[in-house]
């Protein structure tokens, strides 16, 4: 008989972040069925005013979201996960470490916001040292 890893070390839900210079999207999927449980994006209606202000700013920047936006997305995904009863998620550490450093710096507040909502994020301590 082989020993399996405890359920607390491996969450059944995977957090995936899709980052571009224009938007940040967070989605949580169930690994067993690959179905999306919750999603939050900076392209939602409440973030459009901020996006348009950045778009019309001179001189223009190539990045239209910042750490404040990522924190708000973290709050939103954390709230939606709590609504459906998810208390822990995991991230793909290798994928997070492979991101460019300018994106990784802005994702720290995202993970802090998710943790403040009471969602345990497995792997964040390895990828972001905190």
Protein backbone atom coordinates (compact mmCIF):
# COMPACT_ATOMS: atom_id res chain seq x y z
CA UNK A 1 0.00 0.00 0.00
CA UNK A 2 1.39 3.41 -0.94
CA UNK A 3 1.07 6.47 1.23
CA UNK A 4 -0.58 9.48 -0.34
CA UNK A 5 0.02 13.11 0.51
CA UNK A 6 -2.32 14.62 3.09
CA UNK A 7 -5.21 16.61 1.67
CA UNK A 8 -4.06 19.74 3.50
CA UNK A 9 -0.83 19.90 1.51
CA UNK A 10 -2.50 19.75 -1.87
CA UNK A 11 -5.57 21.80 -2.59
CA UNK A 12 -8.12 20.67 -5.14
CA UNK A 13 -8.41 24.22 -6.51
CA UNK A 14 -5.82 25.91 -8.71
CA UNK A 15 -5.44 29.68 -8.98
CA UNK A 16 -4.31 30.82 -12.41
CA UNK A 17 -3.34 34.38 -13.24
CA UNK A 18 -3.49 35.73 -16.77
CA UNK A 19 -1.40 38.89 -17.04
CA UNK A 20 -0.96 41.33 -19.89
CA UNK A 21 -0.01 44.96 -20.10
CA UNK A 22 -3.71 45.90 -20.31
CA UNK A 23 -5.39 43.66 -17.74
CA UNK A 24 -5.06 41.12 -14.97
CA UNK A 25 -7.41 38.16 -14.69
CA UNK A 26 -7.56 35.64 -11.86
CA UNK A 27 -9.44 32.38 -12.19
CA UNK A 28 -9.80 29.43 -9.85
CA UNK A 29 -10.42 26.04 -11.40
CA UNK A 30 -11.32 22.69 -9.95
CA UNK A 31 -8.50 20.34 -10.86
CA UNK A 32 -10.72 17.26 -11.05
CA UNK A 33 -13.09 18.69 -13.68
CA UNK A 34 -11.11 21.67 -15.08
CA UNK A 35 -14.19 23.83 -14.58
CA UNK A 36 -13.88 27.46 -13.55
CA UNK A 37 -15.22 28.12 -10.05
CA UNK A 38 -14.56 31.86 -9.76
CA UNK A 39 -13.10 34.57 -11.94
CA UNK A 40 -12.20 38.23 -11.42
CA UNK A 41 -10.72 40.60 -13.96
CA UNK A 42 -9.63 44.20 -14.29
CA UNK A 43 -11.87 44.41 -17.37
CA UNK A 44 -14.99 44.30 -15.17
CA UNK A 45 -17.23 47.37 -15.05
CA UNK A 46 -15.99 48.75 -11.72
CA UNK A 47 -12.41 49.02 -13.03
CA UNK A 48 -13.25 50.72 -16.34
CA UNK A 49 -13.04 54.28 -14.96
CA UNK A 50 -9.50 53.65 -13.71
CA UNK A 51 -8.55 51.97 -17.00
CA UNK A 52 -9.84 54.85 -19.11
CA UNK A 53 -8.00 57.38 -16.94
CA UNK A 54 -4.76 55.47 -17.49
CA UNK A 55 -5.47 55.17 -21.20
CA UNK A 56 -5.89 58.93 -21.65
CA UNK A 57 -2.94 59.87 -19.49
CA UNK A 58 0.02 61.62 -21.06
CA UNK A 59 2.75 60.43 -21.26
CA UNK A 60 1.23 57.03 -21.77
CA UNK A 61 2.48 54.00 -19.92
CA UNK A 62 2.60 50.53 -21.39
CA UNK A 63 1.10 49.00 -18.26
CA UNK A 64 -2.54 49.80 -17.47
CA UNK A 65 -2.81 48.07 -14.08
CA UNK A 66 -0.79 48.42 -10.89
CA UNK A 67 -0.45 46.88 -7.44
CA UNK A 68 -3.61 48.70 -6.28
CA UNK A 69 -5.60 47.10 -9.08
CA UNK A 70 -4.12 43.68 -8.35
CA UNK A 71 -5.06 44.07 -4.68
CA UNK A 72 -8.65 44.92 -5.66
CA UNK A 73 -8.77 41.85 -7.93
CA UNK A 74 -7.45 39.76 -5.01
CA UNK A 75 -10.23 41.09 -2.78
CA UNK A 76 -12.83 40.32 -5.42
CA UNK A 77 -11.65 36.75 -6.10
CA UNK A 78 -11.29 36.11 -2.36
CA UNK A 79 -14.85 37.29 -1.74
CA UNK A 80 -16.20 35.13 -4.55
CA UNK A 81 -14.33 32.08 -3.26
CA UNK A 82 -15.69 32.61 0.26
CA UNK A 83 -19.21 32.85 -1.19
CA UNK A 84 -18.95 29.39 -2.74
CA UNK A 85 -17.21 27.87 0.29
CA UNK A 86 -13.62 27.49 -0.95
CA UNK A 87 -11.12 28.04 1.87
CA UNK A 88 -7.83 27.03 0.25
CA UNK A 89 -6.25 27.21 -3.18
CA UNK A 90 -2.85 26.52 -4.62
CA UNK A 91 -0.68 28.17 -7.24
CA UNK A 92 1.77 26.74 -9.73
CA UNK A 93 5.04 27.92 -8.14
CA UNK A 94 7.14 27.28 -11.25
CA UNK A 95 4.84 29.43 -13.37
CA UNK A 96 4.90 32.28 -10.83
CA UNK A 97 8.68 32.21 -10.54
CA UNK A 98 9.03 32.31 -14.34
CA UNK A 99 7.07 35.59 -14.59
CA UNK A 100 8.99 38.80 -15.35
CA UNK A 101 10.05 40.61 -12.19
CA UNK A 102 7.95 43.71 -12.92
CA UNK A 103 4.80 41.54 -12.85
CA UNK A 104 5.91 39.59 -9.77
CA UNK A 105 6.41 42.80 -7.77
CA UNK A 106 2.81 43.83 -8.41
CA UNK A 107 1.37 40.43 -7.48
CA UNK A 108 2.42 40.56 -3.82
CA UNK A 109 -0.58 42.76 -2.89
CA UNK A 110 -2.85 40.39 -4.84
CA UNK A 111 -1.87 37.41 -2.67
CA UNK A 112 -2.06 39.52 0.50
CA UNK A 113 -5.62 40.53 -0.40
CA UNK A 114 -6.65 36.92 -1.02
CA UNK A 115 -5.15 35.89 2.34
CA UNK A 116 -6.93 38.77 4.12
CA UNK A 117 -10.21 37.31 2.87
CA UNK A 118 -9.39 34.08 4.71
CA UNK A 119 -8.28 31.97 1.76
CA UNK A 120 -5.13 29.90 2.29
CA UNK A 121 -2.82 30.16 -0.74
CA UNK A 122 -0.46 27.18 -0.92
CA UNK A 123 2.75 27.95 -2.76
CA UNK A 124 2.67 31.73 -2.39
CA UNK A 125 5.30 31.62 0.36
CA UNK A 126 7.70 29.81 -1.99
CA UNK A 127 7.09 32.13 -4.92
CA UNK A 128 7.02 35.45 -3.04
CA UNK A 129 8.71 34.80 0.31
CA UNK A 130 5.69 35.81 2.34
